[in-house]
């Protein structure tokens, strides 16, 4: 027999082909699609939850900015009052009705108010920067002007009643509403659905797969379409893993444990939502009850200050009593602004919780 020389690697070789595969029975396709859709739902719900938090934080920061602005206005009025008090005491001192220590006391009170006013103006700028941070705007960008007065408080209360669609401020029905609507819980529900799809995908590993395959093309030293260069293949493929060392069972156990963990997380999150709603309702009730008290406190302090001013002009009270009345009036007005802003912030918190 003569020696033979066979070239297994050609110097030039090409292969051009078209391959088609069609699953006839593929148990992994359905769970994979379901898992992908659940992931989309989870991501969408998380974005909605983030949007709700940003809206709540922006509203509350804006109310804080308005309250800080109104605090500056209160201190401006107090500053004018302190200057008038200083001028009155200087006049009384020049006329020999009081001693100089009362003038110095009034001057010290004026400087105290000026210091408070500087600090309040700084808080306005910081609050404005925080609102713009949440709005993704330049920190010094101007904000729309507004005022939190009694009419604004009543308007917000009416809007809340309308949004609750006739529901009372009872925790139980609002908690039920929140557990059905909160985006965080919807995201966890989608994650649980994805975990169940992962279980189905793990179970699919125990099932066979049947595919139809077809392939056609040309191959050879060069491009050509002769009978020796053309080829076509068709096949039906059955694949079934009978043993993988326990890997499939481990994957299924992992998917089950992951889903159970998500269910426990969802239950805990639902409890937290119920607690948030209860706390939001109680905080709103406290803020609402504080409105009348704060208003009456302001009216009483303003009346007391007017009486103290008249007594001061008549020389019937000392300087300490007048300054104490002035401080009481300032504190009452600042407290009223704070309580009104707090009421609006608690409404925003309840709307977010529900």
C-alpha atoms as a PDB file:
ATOM      1  CA  UNK A   1       0.000   0.000   0.000  1.00  0.00           C
ATOM      2  CA  UNK A   2       1.492   3.303  -1.023  1.00  0.00           C
ATOM      3  CA  UNK A   3       1.939   6.103   1.525  1.00  0.00           C
ATOM      4  CA  UNK A   4      -0.981   8.520   1.660  1.00  0.00           C
ATOM      5  CA  UNK A   5      -0.848  12.298   2.274  1.00  0.00           C
ATOM      6  CA  UNK A   6      -4.102  13.835   3.612  1.00  0.00           C
ATOM      7  CA  UNK A   7      -4.416  17.556   4.397  1.00  0.00           C
ATOM      8  CA  UNK A   8      -6.580  17.990   7.484  1.00  0.00           C
ATOM      9  CA  UNK A   9      -5.960  21.767   7.661  1.00  0.00           C
ATOM     10  CA  UNK A  10      -6.432  23.520   4.364  1.00  0.00           C
ATOM     11  CA  UNK A  11      -4.349  26.515   3.501  1.00  0.00           C
ATOM     12  CA  UNK A  12      -7.469  28.427   2.478  1.00  0.00           C
ATOM     13  CA  UNK A  13     -10.871  27.483   3.793  1.00  0.00           C
ATOM     14  CA  UNK A  14     -14.257  29.138   4.070  1.00  0.00           C
ATOM     15  CA  UNK A  15     -17.655  28.195   5.375  1.00  0.00           C
ATOM     16  CA  UNK A  16     -20.816  30.226   4.890  1.00  0.00           C
ATOM     17  CA  UNK A  17     -24.002  28.877   6.370  1.00  0.00           C
ATOM     18  CA  UNK A  18     -27.484  29.697   7.562  1.00  0.00           C
ATOM     19  CA  UNK A  19     -28.617  28.021  10.777  1.00  0.00           C
ATOM     20  CA  UNK A  20     -32.220  27.933  11.968  1.00  0.00           C
ATOM     21  CA  UNK A  21     -33.365  26.572  15.353  1.00  0.00           C
ATOM     22  CA  UNK A  22     -36.967  26.297  16.472  1.00  0.00           C
ATOM     23  CA  UNK A  23     -37.877  25.011  19.943  1.00  0.00           C
ATOM     24  CA  UNK A  24     -40.653  22.488  19.767  1.00  0.00           C
ATOM     25  CA  UNK A  25     -40.809  22.004  23.513  1.00  0.00           C
ATOM     26  CA  UNK A  26     -38.734  24.343  25.714  1.00  0.00           C
ATOM     27  CA  UNK A  27     -39.995  24.531  29.327  1.00  0.00           C
ATOM     28  CA  UNK A  28     -37.553  27.327  30.218  1.00  0.00           C
ATOM     29  CA  UNK A  29     -38.954  29.932  27.839  1.00  0.00           C
ATOM     30  CA  UNK A  30     -42.175  30.738  29.717  1.00  0.00           C
ATOM     31  CA  UNK A  31     -40.558  31.177  33.171  1.00  0.00           C
ATOM     32  CA  UNK A  32     -37.741  33.255  31.661  1.00  0.00           C
ATOM     33  CA  UNK A  33     -40.246  35.640  30.053  1.00  0.00           C
ATOM     34  CA  UNK A  34     -42.262  35.827  33.278  1.00  0.00           C
ATOM     35  CA  UNK A  35     -39.115  36.600  35.287  1.00  0.00           C
ATOM     36  CA  UNK A  36     -38.162  39.396  32.886  1.00  0.00           C
ATOM     37  CA  UNK A  37     -41.640  40.936  33.041  1.00  0.00           C
ATOM     38  CA  UNK A  38     -41.601  40.751  36.847  1.00  0.00           C
ATOM     39  CA  UNK A  39     -38.244  42.522  36.895  1.00  0.00           C
ATOM     40  CA  UNK A  40     -39.657  45.296  34.701  1.00  0.00           C
ATOM     41  CA  UNK A  41     -42.645  45.649  37.046  1.00  0.00           C
ATOM     42  CA  UNK A  42     -40.363  45.726  40.081  1.00  0.00           C
ATOM     43  CA  UNK A  43     -38.146  48.416  38.590  1.00  0.00           C
ATOM     44  CA  UNK A  44     -41.154  50.493  37.534  1.00  0.00           C
ATOM     45  CA  UNK A  45     -42.624  50.296  41.037  1.00  0.00           C
ATOM     46  CA  UNK A  46     -39.301  51.293  42.604  1.00  0.00           C
ATOM     47  CA  UNK A  47     -39.133  54.344  40.350  1.00  0.00           C
ATOM     48  CA  UNK A  48     -42.692  55.272  41.364  1.00  0.00           C
ATOM     49  CA  UNK A  49     -41.781  54.876  45.042  1.00  0.00           C
ATOM     50  CA  UNK A  50     -38.745  57.105  44.603  1.00  0.00           C
ATOM     51  CA  UNK A  51     -40.867  59.701  42.806  1.00  0.00           C
ATOM     52  CA  UNK A  52     -43.353  59.722  45.708  1.00  0.00           C
ATOM     53  CA  UNK A  53     -40.580  60.228  48.254  1.00  0.00           C
ATOM     54  CA  UNK A  54     -39.046  63.073  46.263  1.00  0.00           C
ATOM     55  CA  UNK A  55     -42.450  64.771  45.941  1.00  0.00           C
ATOM     56  CA  UNK A  56     -43.035  64.488  49.698  1.00  0.00           C
ATOM     57  CA  UNK A  57     -39.549  65.737  50.579  1.00  0.00           C
ATOM     58  CA  UNK A  58     -39.830  68.638  48.137  1.00  0.00           C
ATOM     59  CA  UNK A  59     -43.206  69.703  49.518  1.00  0.00           C
ATOM     60  CA  UNK A  60     -41.995  69.579  53.105  1.00  0.00           C
ATOM     61  CA  UNK A  61     -38.784  71.436  52.257  1.00  0.00           C
ATOM     62  CA  UNK A  62     -40.785  74.108  50.442  1.00  0.00           C
ATOM     63  CA  UNK A  63     -43.081  74.585  53.453  1.00  0.00           C
ATOM     64  CA  UNK A  64     -39.996  74.891  55.645  1.00  0.00           C
ATOM     65  CA  UNK A  65     -38.613  77.570  53.315  1.00  0.00           C
ATOM     66  CA  UNK A  66     -41.878  79.535  53.464  1.00  0.00           C
ATOM     67  CA  UNK A  67     -41.927  79.288  57.260  1.00  0.00           C
ATOM     68  CA  UNK A  68     -38.327  80.504  57.394  1.00  0.00           C
ATOM     69  CA  UNK A  69     -39.247  83.474  55.207  1.00  0.00           C
ATOM     70  CA  UNK A  70     -42.209  84.335  57.410  1.00  0.00           C
ATOM     71  CA  UNK A  71     -39.969  84.048  60.468  1.00  0.00           C
ATOM     72  CA  UNK A  72     -37.753  86.722  58.936  1.00  0.00           C
ATOM     73  CA  UNK A  73     -40.816  88.946  58.508  1.00  0.00           C
ATOM     74  CA  UNK A  74     -41.761  88.406  62.154  1.00  0.00           C
ATOM     75  CA  UNK A  75     -38.268  89.335  63.254  1.00  0.00           C
ATOM     76  CA  UNK A  76     -38.329  92.393  60.987  1.00  0.00           C
ATOM     77  CA  UNK A  77     -41.471  93.561  62.763  1.00  0.00           C
ATOM     78  CA  UNK A  78     -39.878  92.734  66.116  1.00  0.00           C
ATOM     79  CA  UNK A  79     -36.801  94.685  65.103  1.00  0.00           C
ATOM     80  CA  UNK A  80     -38.924  97.751  64.452  1.00  0.00           C
ATOM     81  CA  UNK A  81     -40.594  97.250  67.819  1.00  0.00           C
ATOM     82  CA  UNK A  82     -37.226  96.981  69.564  1.00  0.00           C
ATOM     83  CA  UNK A  83     -36.032 100.164  67.863  1.00  0.00           C
ATOM     84  CA  UNK A  84     -39.183 101.976  68.921  1.00  0.00           C
ATOM     85  CA  UNK A  85     -38.634 100.713  72.468  1.00  0.00           C
ATOM     86  CA  UNK A  86     -35.073 101.997  72.441  1.00  0.00           C
ATOM     87  CA  UNK A  87     -36.211 105.375  71.147  1.00  0.00           C
ATOM     88  CA  UNK A  88     -38.938 105.564  73.815  1.00  0.00           C
ATOM     89  CA  UNK A  89     -36.499 104.781  76.613  1.00  0.00           C
ATOM     90  CA  UNK A  90     -33.972 107.280  75.309  1.00  0.00           C
ATOM     91  CA  UNK A  91     -36.732 109.921  75.341  1.00  0.00           C
ATOM     92  CA  UNK A  92     -37.709 108.985  78.897  1.00  0.00           C
ATOM     93  CA  UNK A  93     -34.049 109.125  79.939  1.00  0.00           C
ATOM     94  CA  UNK A  94     -33.558 112.562  78.394  1.00  0.00           C
ATOM     95  CA  UNK A  95     -36.595 113.790  80.318  1.00  0.00           C
ATOM     96  CA  UNK A  96     -35.236 112.357  83.548  1.00  0.00           C
ATOM     97  CA  UNK A  97     -38.009 109.815  84.059  1.00  0.00           C
ATOM     98  CA  UNK A  98     -35.817 106.663  83.887  1.00  0.00           C
ATOM     99  CA  UNK A  99     -32.203 105.822  84.549  1.00  0.00           C
ATOM    100  CA  UNK A 100     -29.659 104.931  81.873  1.00  0.00           C
ATOM    101  CA  UNK A 101     -29.707 101.212  82.655  1.00  0.00           C
ATOM    102  CA  UNK A 102     -33.115 100.943  80.968  1.00  0.00           C
ATOM    103  CA  UNK A 103     -31.688 102.477  77.816  1.00  0.00           C
ATOM    104  CA  UNK A 104     -28.827  99.970  77.840  1.00  0.00           C
ATOM    105  CA  UNK A 105     -31.276  97.126  78.417  1.00  0.00           C
ATOM    106  CA  UNK A 106     -33.351  98.235  75.415  1.00  0.00           C
ATOM    107  CA  UNK A 107     -30.199  98.501  73.306  1.00  0.00           C
ATOM    108  CA  UNK A 108     -29.169  94.972  74.282  1.00  0.00           C
ATOM    109  CA  UNK A 109     -32.639  93.722  73.359  1.00  0.00           C
ATOM    110  CA  UNK A 110     -32.341  95.379  69.943  1.00  0.00           C
ATOM    111  CA  UNK A 111     -28.973  93.717  69.314  1.00  0.00           C
ATOM    112  CA  UNK A 112     -30.442  90.355  70.314  1.00  0.00           C
ATOM    113  CA  UNK A 113     -33.228  90.692  67.761  1.00  0.00           C
ATOM    114  CA  UNK A 114     -30.747  91.724  65.071  1.00  0.00           C
ATOM    115  CA  UNK A 115     -28.741  88.581  65.774  1.00  0.00           C
ATOM    116  CA  UNK A 116     -31.845  86.433  65.519  1.00  0.00           C
ATOM    117  CA  UNK A 117     -32.736  88.092  62.238  1.00  0.00           C
ATOM    118  CA  UNK A 118     -29.304  87.320  60.730  1.00  0.00           C
ATOM    119  CA  UNK A 119     -29.624  83.668  61.744  1.00  0.00           C
ATOM    120  CA  UNK A 120     -33.151  83.491  60.299  1.00  0.00           C
ATOM    121  CA  UNK A 121     -31.993  84.930  56.964  1.00  0.00           C
ATOM    122  CA  UNK A 122     -29.289  82.258  56.827  1.00  0.00           C
ATOM    123  CA  UNK A 123     -31.896  79.542  57.406  1.00  0.00           C
ATOM    124  CA  UNK A 124     -33.911  80.931  54.486  1.00  0.00           C
ATOM    125  CA  UNK A 125     -30.945  80.567  52.134  1.00  0.00           C
ATOM    126  CA  UNK A 126     -30.175  77.050  53.353  1.00  0.00           C
ATOM    127  CA  UNK A 127     -33.822  75.995  52.983  1.00  0.00           C
ATOM    128  CA  UNK A 128     -33.927  77.473  49.485  1.00  0.00           C
ATOM    129  CA  UNK A 129     -30.800  75.536  48.510  1.00  0.00           C
ATOM    130  CA  UNK A 130     -32.284  72.287  49.820  1.00  0.00           C
ATOM    131  CA  UNK A 131     -35.512  72.755  47.863  1.00  0.00           C
ATOM    132  CA  UNK A 132     -33.531  73.421  44.697  1.00  0.00           C
ATOM    133  CA  UNK A 133     -31.382  70.373  45.401  1.00  0.00           C
ATOM    134  CA  UNK A 134     -34.499  68.221  45.427  1.00  0.00           C
ATOM    135  CA  UNK A 135     -35.726  69.978  42.268  1.00  0.00           C
ATOM    136  CA  UNK A 136     -32.364  69.356  40.582  1.00  0.00           C
ATOM    137  CA  UNK A 137     -31.987  73.097  40.018  1.00  0.00           C
ATOM    138  CA  UNK A 138     -29.184  75.562  40.818  1.00  0.00           C
ATOM    139  CA  UNK A 139     -29.085  76.094  44.566  1.00  0.00           C
ATOM    140  CA  UNK A 140     -29.652  79.846  44.250  1.00  0.00           C
ATOM    141  CA  UNK A 141     -32.551  79.530  41.789  1.00  0.00           C
ATOM    142  CA  UNK A 142     -35.580  81.613  42.875  1.00  0.00           C
ATOM    143  CA  UNK A 143     -38.615  79.800  44.254  1.00  0.00           C
ATOM    144  CA  UNK A 144     -42.270  80.783  43.801  1.00  0.00           C
ATOM    145  CA  UNK A 145     -43.454  83.020  46.606  1.00  0.00           C
ATOM    146  CA  UNK A 146     -46.277  81.901  48.867  1.00  0.00           C
ATOM    147  CA  UNK A 147     -47.637  82.481  52.331  1.00  0.00           C
ATOM    148  CA  UNK A 148     -48.905  80.032  54.896  1.00  0.00           C
ATOM    149  CA  UNK A 149     -51.808  81.812  56.545  1.00  0.00           C
ATOM    150  CA  UNK A 150     -55.175  80.729  57.918  1.00  0.00           C
ATOM    151  CA  UNK A 151     -56.734  80.686  54.425  1.00  0.00           C
ATOM    152  CA  UNK A 152     -53.939  78.454  53.076  1.00  0.00           C
ATOM    153  CA  UNK A 153     -54.331  76.065  56.000  1.00  0.00           C
ATOM    154  CA  UNK A 154     -58.075  75.776  55.380  1.00  0.00           C
ATOM    155  CA  UNK A 155     -57.524  75.249  51.653  1.00  0.00           C
ATOM    156  CA  UNK A 156     -55.092  72.411  52.303  1.00  0.00           C
ATOM    157  CA  UNK A 157     -57.524  70.832  54.745  1.00  0.00           C
ATOM    158  CA  UNK A 158     -60.274  70.876  52.120  1.00  0.00           C
ATOM    159  CA  UNK A 159     -57.931  69.405  49.503  1.00  0.00           C
ATOM    160  CA  UNK A 160     -57.046  66.576  51.866  1.00  0.00           C
ATOM    161  CA  UNK A 161     -60.704  65.730  52.424  1.00  0.00           C
ATOM    162  CA  UNK A 162     -61.277  65.695  48.672  1.00  0.00           C
ATOM    163  CA  UNK A 163     -58.272  63.430  48.022  1.00  0.00           C
ATOM    164  CA  UNK A 164     -59.391  60.991  50.686  1.00  0.00           C
ATOM    165  CA  UNK A 165     -62.713  60.724  48.808  1.00  0.00           C
ATOM    166  CA  UNK A 166     -64.864  61.009  51.897  1.00  0.00           C
ATOM    167  CA  UNK A 167     -62.745  58.678  54.057  1.00  0.00           C
ATOM    168  CA  UNK A 168     -62.343  59.707  57.661  1.00  0.00           C
ATOM    169  CA  UNK A 169     -58.966  60.096  59.330  1.00  0.00           C
ATOM    170  CA  UNK A 170     -59.201  56.638  60.865  1.00  0.00           C
ATOM    171  CA  UNK A 171     -56.033  54.513  60.672  1.00  0.00           C
ATOM    172  CA  UNK A 172     -57.725  51.211  59.737  1.00  0.00           C
ATOM    173  CA  UNK A 173     -59.303  52.147  56.366  1.00  0.00           C
ATOM    174  CA  UNK A 174     -56.321  54.286  55.414  1.00  0.00           C
ATOM    175  CA  UNK A 175     -53.954  51.435  56.265  1.00  0.00           C
ATOM    176  CA  UNK A 176     -55.918  49.117  54.008  1.00  0.00           C
ATOM    177  CA  UNK A 177     -55.825  51.714  51.257  1.00  0.00           C
ATOM    178  CA  UNK A 178     -52.086  52.170  51.677  1.00  0.00           C
ATOM    179  CA  UNK A 179     -51.270  48.463  51.522  1.00  0.00           C
ATOM    180  CA  UNK A 180     -53.110  48.300  48.200  1.00  0.00           C
ATOM    181  CA  UNK A 181     -51.511  51.397  46.689  1.00  0.00           C
ATOM    182  CA  UNK A 182     -47.977  51.837  47.996  1.00  0.00           C
ATOM    183  CA  UNK A 183     -45.418  51.439  45.219  1.00  0.00           C
ATOM    184  CA  UNK A 184     -42.897  49.808  47.561  1.00  0.00           C
ATOM    185  CA  UNK A 185     -45.284  46.930  48.221  1.00  0.00           C
ATOM    186  CA  UNK A 186     -46.108  46.640  44.534  1.00  0.00           C
ATOM    187  CA  UNK A 187     -42.388  46.365  43.828  1.00  0.00           C
ATOM    188  CA  UNK A 188     -42.061  43.563  46.383  1.00  0.00           C
ATOM    189  CA  UNK A 189     -45.088  41.800  44.881  1.00  0.00           C
ATOM    190  CA  UNK A 190     -43.365  41.944  41.499  1.00  0.00           C
ATOM    191  CA  UNK A 191     -40.165  40.613  43.068  1.00  0.00           C
ATOM    192  CA  UNK A 192     -42.120  37.701  44.590  1.00  0.00           C
ATOM    193  CA  UNK A 193     -43.603  36.964  41.159  1.00  0.00           C
ATOM    194  CA  UNK A 194     -40.071  36.972  39.788  1.00  0.00           C
ATOM    195  CA  UNK A 195     -38.995  34.552  42.517  1.00  0.00           C
ATOM    196  CA  UNK A 196     -41.820  32.191  41.608  1.00  0.00           C
ATOM    197  CA  UNK A 197     -40.740  32.432  37.966  1.00  0.00           C
ATOM    198  CA  UNK A 198     -37.223  31.515  39.068  1.00  0.00           C
ATOM    199  CA  UNK A 199     -38.627  28.422  40.750  1.00  0.00           C
ATOM    200  CA  UNK A 200     -40.395  27.434  37.542  1.00  0.00           C
ATOM    201  CA  UNK A 201     -37.161  28.014  35.659  1.00  0.00           C
ATOM    202  CA  UNK A 202     -35.287  25.775  38.091  1.00  0.00           C
ATOM    203  CA  UNK A 203     -37.942  23.054  37.740  1.00  0.00           C
ATOM    204  CA  UNK A 204     -37.595  23.249  33.957  1.00  0.00           C
ATOM    205  CA  UNK A 205     -34.085  21.821  34.300  1.00  0.00           C
ATOM    206  CA  UNK A 206     -35.654  18.445  35.149  1.00  0.00           C
ATOM    207  CA  UNK A 207     -37.652  18.380  31.914  1.00  0.00           C
ATOM    208  CA  UNK A 208     -36.489  17.468  28.392  1.00  0.00           C
ATOM    209  CA  UNK A 209     -36.065  19.940  25.565  1.00  0.00           C
ATOM    210  CA  UNK A 210     -37.007  19.218  21.990  1.00  0.00           C
ATOM    211  CA  UNK A 211     -35.686  21.373  19.157  1.00  0.00           C
ATOM    212  CA  UNK A 212     -35.863  21.383  15.383  1.00  0.00           C
ATOM    213  CA  UNK A 213     -32.650  22.452  13.649  1.00  0.00           C
ATOM    214  CA  UNK A 214     -31.858  23.170  10.003  1.00  0.00           C
ATOM    215  CA  UNK A 215     -28.565  24.226   8.451  1.00  0.00           C
ATOM    216  CA  UNK A 216     -27.538  24.957   4.864  1.00  0.00           C
ATOM    217  CA  UNK A 217     -24.437  26.514   3.353  1.00  0.00           C
ATOM    218  CA  UNK A 218     -21.290  26.175   1.284  1.00  0.00           C
ATOM    219  CA  UNK A 219     -17.725  25.300   2.279  1.00  0.00           C
ATOM    220  CA  UNK A 220     -14.441  24.645   0.554  1.00  0.00           C
ATOM    221  CA  UNK A 221     -11.171  26.241  -0.514  1.00  0.00           C
ATOM    222  CA  UNK A 222     -13.028  29.084  -2.172  1.00  0.00           C
ATOM    223  CA  UNK A 223     -16.555  30.290  -2.765  1.00  0.00           C
ATOM    224  CA  UNK A 224     -18.464  27.984  -5.035  1.00  0.00           C
ATOM    225  CA  UNK A 225     -21.876  26.419  -5.457  1.00  0.00           C
ATOM    226  CA  UNK A 226     -21.045  23.064  -6.950  1.00  0.00           C
ATOM    227  CA  UNK A 227     -22.497  19.844  -5.609  1.00  0.00           C
ATOM    228  CA  UNK A 228     -19.318  19.126  -3.632  1.00  0.00           C
ATOM    229  CA  UNK A 229     -19.451  22.537  -1.935  1.00  0.00           C
ATOM    230  CA  UNK A 230     -23.132  22.737  -1.043  1.00  0.00           C
ATOM    231  CA  UNK A 231     -24.616  20.997   1.948  1.00  0.00           C
ATOM    232  CA  UNK A 232     -27.864  20.925   3.917  1.00  0.00           C
ATOM    233  CA  UNK A 233     -28.729  19.336   7.249  1.00  0.00           C
ATOM    234  CA  UNK A 234     -31.953  18.956   9.207  1.00  0.00           C
ATOM    235  CA  UNK A 235     -32.329  17.425  12.643  1.00  0.00           C
ATOM    236  CA  UNK A 236     -34.626  16.971  15.588  1.00  0.00           C
ATOM    237  CA  UNK A 237     -32.724  17.303  18.857  1.00  0.00           C
ATOM    238  CA  UNK A 238     -33.805  15.911  22.212  1.00  0.00           C
ATOM    239  CA  UNK A 239     -31.851  17.075  25.235  1.00  0.00           C
ATOM    240  CA  UNK A 240     -32.383  15.802  28.740  1.00  0.00           C
ATOM    241  CA  UNK A 241     -29.967  16.091  31.617  1.00  0.00           C
ATOM    242  CA  UNK A 242     -30.336  12.980  33.732  1.00  0.00           C
ATOM    243  CA  UNK A 243     -27.661  13.824  36.291  1.00  0.00           C
ATOM    244  CA  UNK A 244     -25.876  17.043  37.256  1.00  0.00           C
ATOM    245  CA  UNK A 245     -24.561  16.188  40.682  1.00  0.00           C
ATOM    246  CA  UNK A 246     -27.488  17.786  42.548  1.00  0.00           C
ATOM    247  CA  UNK A 247     -26.979  21.210  40.948  1.00  0.00           C
ATOM    248  CA  UNK A 248     -30.562  21.415  39.645  1.00  0.00           C
ATOM    249  CA  UNK A 249     -32.050  20.543  43.029  1.00  0.00           C
ATOM    250  CA  UNK A 250     -29.798  23.088  44.713  1.00  0.00           C
ATOM    251  CA  UNK A 251     -30.898  25.774  42.252  1.00  0.00           C
ATOM    252  CA  UNK A 252     -34.555  24.975  42.972  1.00  0.00           C
ATOM    253  CA  UNK A 253     -33.969  25.099  46.732  1.00  0.00           C
ATOM    254  CA  UNK A 254     -32.218  28.441  46.348  1.00  0.00           C
ATOM    255  CA  UNK A 255     -35.124  29.868  44.334  1.00  0.00           C
ATOM    256  CA  UNK A 256     -37.607  28.685  46.958  1.00  0.00           C
ATOM    257  CA  UNK A 257     -35.591  30.220  49.803  1.00  0.00           C
ATOM    258  CA  UNK A 258     -35.238  33.486  47.872  1.00  0.00           C
ATOM    259  CA  UNK A 259     -39.006  33.672  47.318  1.00  0.00           C
ATOM    260  CA  UNK A 260     -39.773  32.947  50.973  1.00  0.00           C
ATOM    261  CA  UNK A 261     -37.342  35.672  52.003  1.00  0.00           C
ATOM    262  CA  UNK A 262     -39.150  38.118  49.721  1.00  0.00           C
ATOM    263  CA  UNK A 263     -42.518  37.143  51.193  1.00  0.00           C
ATOM    264  CA  UNK A 264     -41.205  37.799  54.710  1.00  0.00           C
ATOM    265  CA  UNK A 265     -39.756  41.123  53.562  1.00  0.00           C
ATOM    266  CA  UNK A 266     -43.077  42.046  52.011  1.00  0.00           C
ATOM    267  CA  UNK A 267     -44.977  41.290  55.205  1.00  0.00           C
ATOM    268  CA  UNK A 268     -42.543  43.378  57.229  1.00  0.00           C
ATOM    269  CA  UNK A 269     -42.817  46.223  54.719  1.00  0.00           C
ATOM    270  CA  UNK A 270     -46.624  46.065  54.928  1.00  0.00           C
ATOM    271  CA  UNK A 271     -46.424  46.348  58.707  1.00  0.00           C
ATOM    272  CA  UNK A 272     -44.139  49.350  58.352  1.00  0.00           C
ATOM    273  CA  UNK A 273     -46.590  50.966  55.946  1.00  0.00           C
ATOM    274  CA  UNK A 274     -49.424  50.460  58.443  1.00  0.00           C
ATOM    275  CA  UNK A 275     -47.289  52.024  61.159  1.00  0.00           C
ATOM    276  CA  UNK A 276     -46.400  54.956  58.888  1.00  0.00           C
ATOM    277  CA  UNK A 277     -50.078  55.587  58.202  1.00  0.00           C
ATOM    278  CA  UNK A 278     -50.974  55.439  61.896  1.00  0.00           C
ATOM    279  CA  UNK A 279     -48.146  57.800  62.800  1.00  0.00           C
ATOM    280  CA  UNK A 280     -49.042  60.182  59.944  1.00  0.00           C
ATOM    281  CA  UNK A 281     -52.685  60.306  61.084  1.00  0.00           C
ATOM    282  CA  UNK A 282     -51.752  60.976  64.702  1.00  0.00           C
ATOM    283  CA  UNK A 283     -49.159  63.601  63.766  1.00  0.00           C
ATOM    284  CA  UNK A 284     -51.704  65.376  61.586  1.00  0.00           C
ATOM    285  CA  UNK A 285     -54.272  65.357  64.380  1.00  0.00           C
ATOM    286  CA  UNK A 286     -51.707  66.818  66.797  1.00  0.00           C
ATOM    287  CA  UNK A 287     -50.709  69.505  64.287  1.00  0.00           C
ATOM    288  CA  UNK A 288     -54.365  70.322  63.600  1.00  0.00           C
ATOM    289  CA  UNK A 289     -55.141  70.614  67.307  1.00  0.00           C
ATOM    290  CA  UNK A 290     -52.135  72.891  67.779  1.00  0.00           C
ATOM    291  CA  UNK A 291     -53.386  75.425  65.208  1.00  0.00           C
ATOM    292  CA  UNK A 292     -56.097  76.957  67.372  1.00  0.00           C
ATOM    293  CA  UNK A 293     -53.856  76.968  70.436  1.00  0.00           C
ATOM    294  CA  UNK A 294     -51.044  78.685  68.551  1.00  0.00           C
ATOM    295  CA  UNK A 295     -53.426  81.315  67.143  1.00  0.00           C
ATOM    296  CA  UNK A 296     -54.940  82.082  70.557  1.00  0.00           C
ATOM    297  CA  UNK A 297     -51.451  82.267  72.033  1.00  0.00           C
ATOM    298  CA  UNK A 298     -50.483  84.846  69.410  1.00  0.00           C
ATOM    299  CA  UNK A 299     -53.595  86.923  70.033  1.00  0.00           C
ATOM    300  CA  UNK A 300     -53.021  86.866  73.790  1.00  0.00           C
ATOM    301  CA  UNK A 301     -49.342  87.787  73.434  1.00  0.00           C
ATOM    302  CA  UNK A 302     -50.155  90.646  71.065  1.00  0.00           C
ATOM    303  CA  UNK A 303     -52.740  92.043  73.456  1.00  0.00           C
ATOM    304  CA  UNK A 304     -50.353  91.758  76.399  1.00  0.00           C
ATOM    305  CA  UNK A 305     -47.661  93.602  74.453  1.00  0.00           C
ATOM    306  CA  UNK A 306     -49.998  96.489  73.604  1.00  0.00           C
ATOM    307  CA  UNK A 307     -50.895  96.873  77.281  1.00  0.00           C
ATOM    308  CA  UNK A 308     -47.221  96.667  78.293  1.00  0.00           C
ATOM    309  CA  UNK A 309     -46.323  99.354  75.747  1.00  0.00           C
ATOM    310  CA  UNK A 310     -48.895 101.738  77.192  1.00  0.00           C
ATOM    311  CA  UNK A 311     -47.712 101.061  80.724  1.00  0.00           C
ATOM    312  CA  UNK A 312     -44.116 101.611  79.650  1.00  0.00           C
ATOM    313  CA  UNK A 313     -44.986 104.993  78.169  1.00  0.00           C
ATOM    314  CA  UNK A 314     -46.633 105.908  81.475  1.00  0.00           C
ATOM    315  CA  UNK A 315     -43.675 104.631  83.457  1.00  0.00           C
ATOM    316  CA  UNK A 316     -45.793 102.049  85.285  1.00  0.00           C
ATOM    317  CA  UNK A 317     -43.644  98.965  84.475  1.00  0.00           C
ATOM    318  CA  UNK A 318     -39.930  98.385  84.322  1.00  0.00           C
ATOM    319  CA  UNK A 319     -37.983  97.515  81.184  1.00  0.00           C
ATOM    320  CA  UNK A 320     -37.706  93.803  82.005  1.00  0.00           C
ATOM    321  CA  UNK A 321     -41.490  93.399  81.955  1.00  0.00           C
ATOM    322  CA  UNK A 322     -41.818  95.079  78.561  1.00  0.00           C
ATOM    323  CA  UNK A 323     -39.006  93.037  77.018  1.00  0.00           C
ATOM    324  CA  UNK A 324     -40.554  89.888  78.418  1.00  0.00           C
ATOM    325  CA  UNK A 325     -43.883  90.813  76.773  1.00  0.00           C
ATOM    326  CA  UNK A 326     -42.064  91.519  73.513  1.00  0.00           C
ATOM    327  CA  UNK A 327     -40.279  88.163  73.609  1.00  0.00           C
ATOM    328  CA  UNK A 328     -43.530  86.393  74.363  1.00  0.00           C
ATOM    329  CA  UNK A 329     -45.133  88.036  71.333  1.00  0.00           C
ATOM    330  CA  UNK A 330     -42.193  87.143  69.071  1.00  0.00           C
ATOM    331  CA  UNK A 331     -42.115  83.538  70.270  1.00  0.00           C
ATOM    332  CA  UNK A 332     -45.878  83.238  69.754  1.00  0.00           C
ATOM    333  CA  UNK A 333     -45.703  84.505  66.172  1.00  0.00           C
ATOM    334  CA  UNK A 334     -42.756  82.266  65.338  1.00  0.00           C
ATOM    335  CA  UNK A 335     -44.584  79.335  66.900  1.00  0.00           C
ATOM    336  CA  UNK A 336     -47.701  80.060  64.829  1.00  0.00           C
ATOM    337  CA  UNK A 337     -45.655  80.039  61.619  1.00  0.00           C
ATOM    338  CA  UNK A 338     -43.978  76.805  62.639  1.00  0.00           C
ATOM    339  CA  UNK A 339     -47.258  75.088  63.550  1.00  0.00           C
ATOM    340  CA  UNK A 340     -48.893  76.084  60.262  1.00  0.00           C
ATOM    341  CA  UNK A 341     -45.923  74.842  58.238  1.00  0.00           C
ATOM    342  CA  UNK A 342     -45.910  71.664  60.332  1.00  0.00           C
ATOM    343  CA  UNK A 343     -49.591  71.114  59.557  1.00  0.00           C
ATOM    344  CA  UNK A 344     -48.937  71.317  55.807  1.00  0.00           C
ATOM    345  CA  UNK A 345     -45.924  69.025  56.159  1.00  0.00           C
ATOM    346  CA  UNK A 346     -48.023  66.466  58.036  1.00  0.00           C
ATOM    347  CA  UNK A 347     -50.593  66.548  55.225  1.00  0.00           C
ATOM    348  CA  UNK A 348     -47.814  65.789  52.739  1.00  0.00           C
ATOM    349  CA  UNK A 349     -46.632  62.949  54.985  1.00  0.00           C
ATOM    350  CA  UNK A 350     -50.120  61.439  55.179  1.00  0.00           C
ATOM    351  CA  UNK A 351     -50.622  61.676  51.417  1.00  0.00           C
ATOM    352  CA  UNK A 352     -47.288  59.904  50.920  1.00  0.00           C
ATOM    353  CA  UNK A 353     -48.090  57.225  53.507  1.00  0.00           C
ATOM    354  CA  UNK A 354     -51.455  56.476  51.899  1.00  0.00           C
END
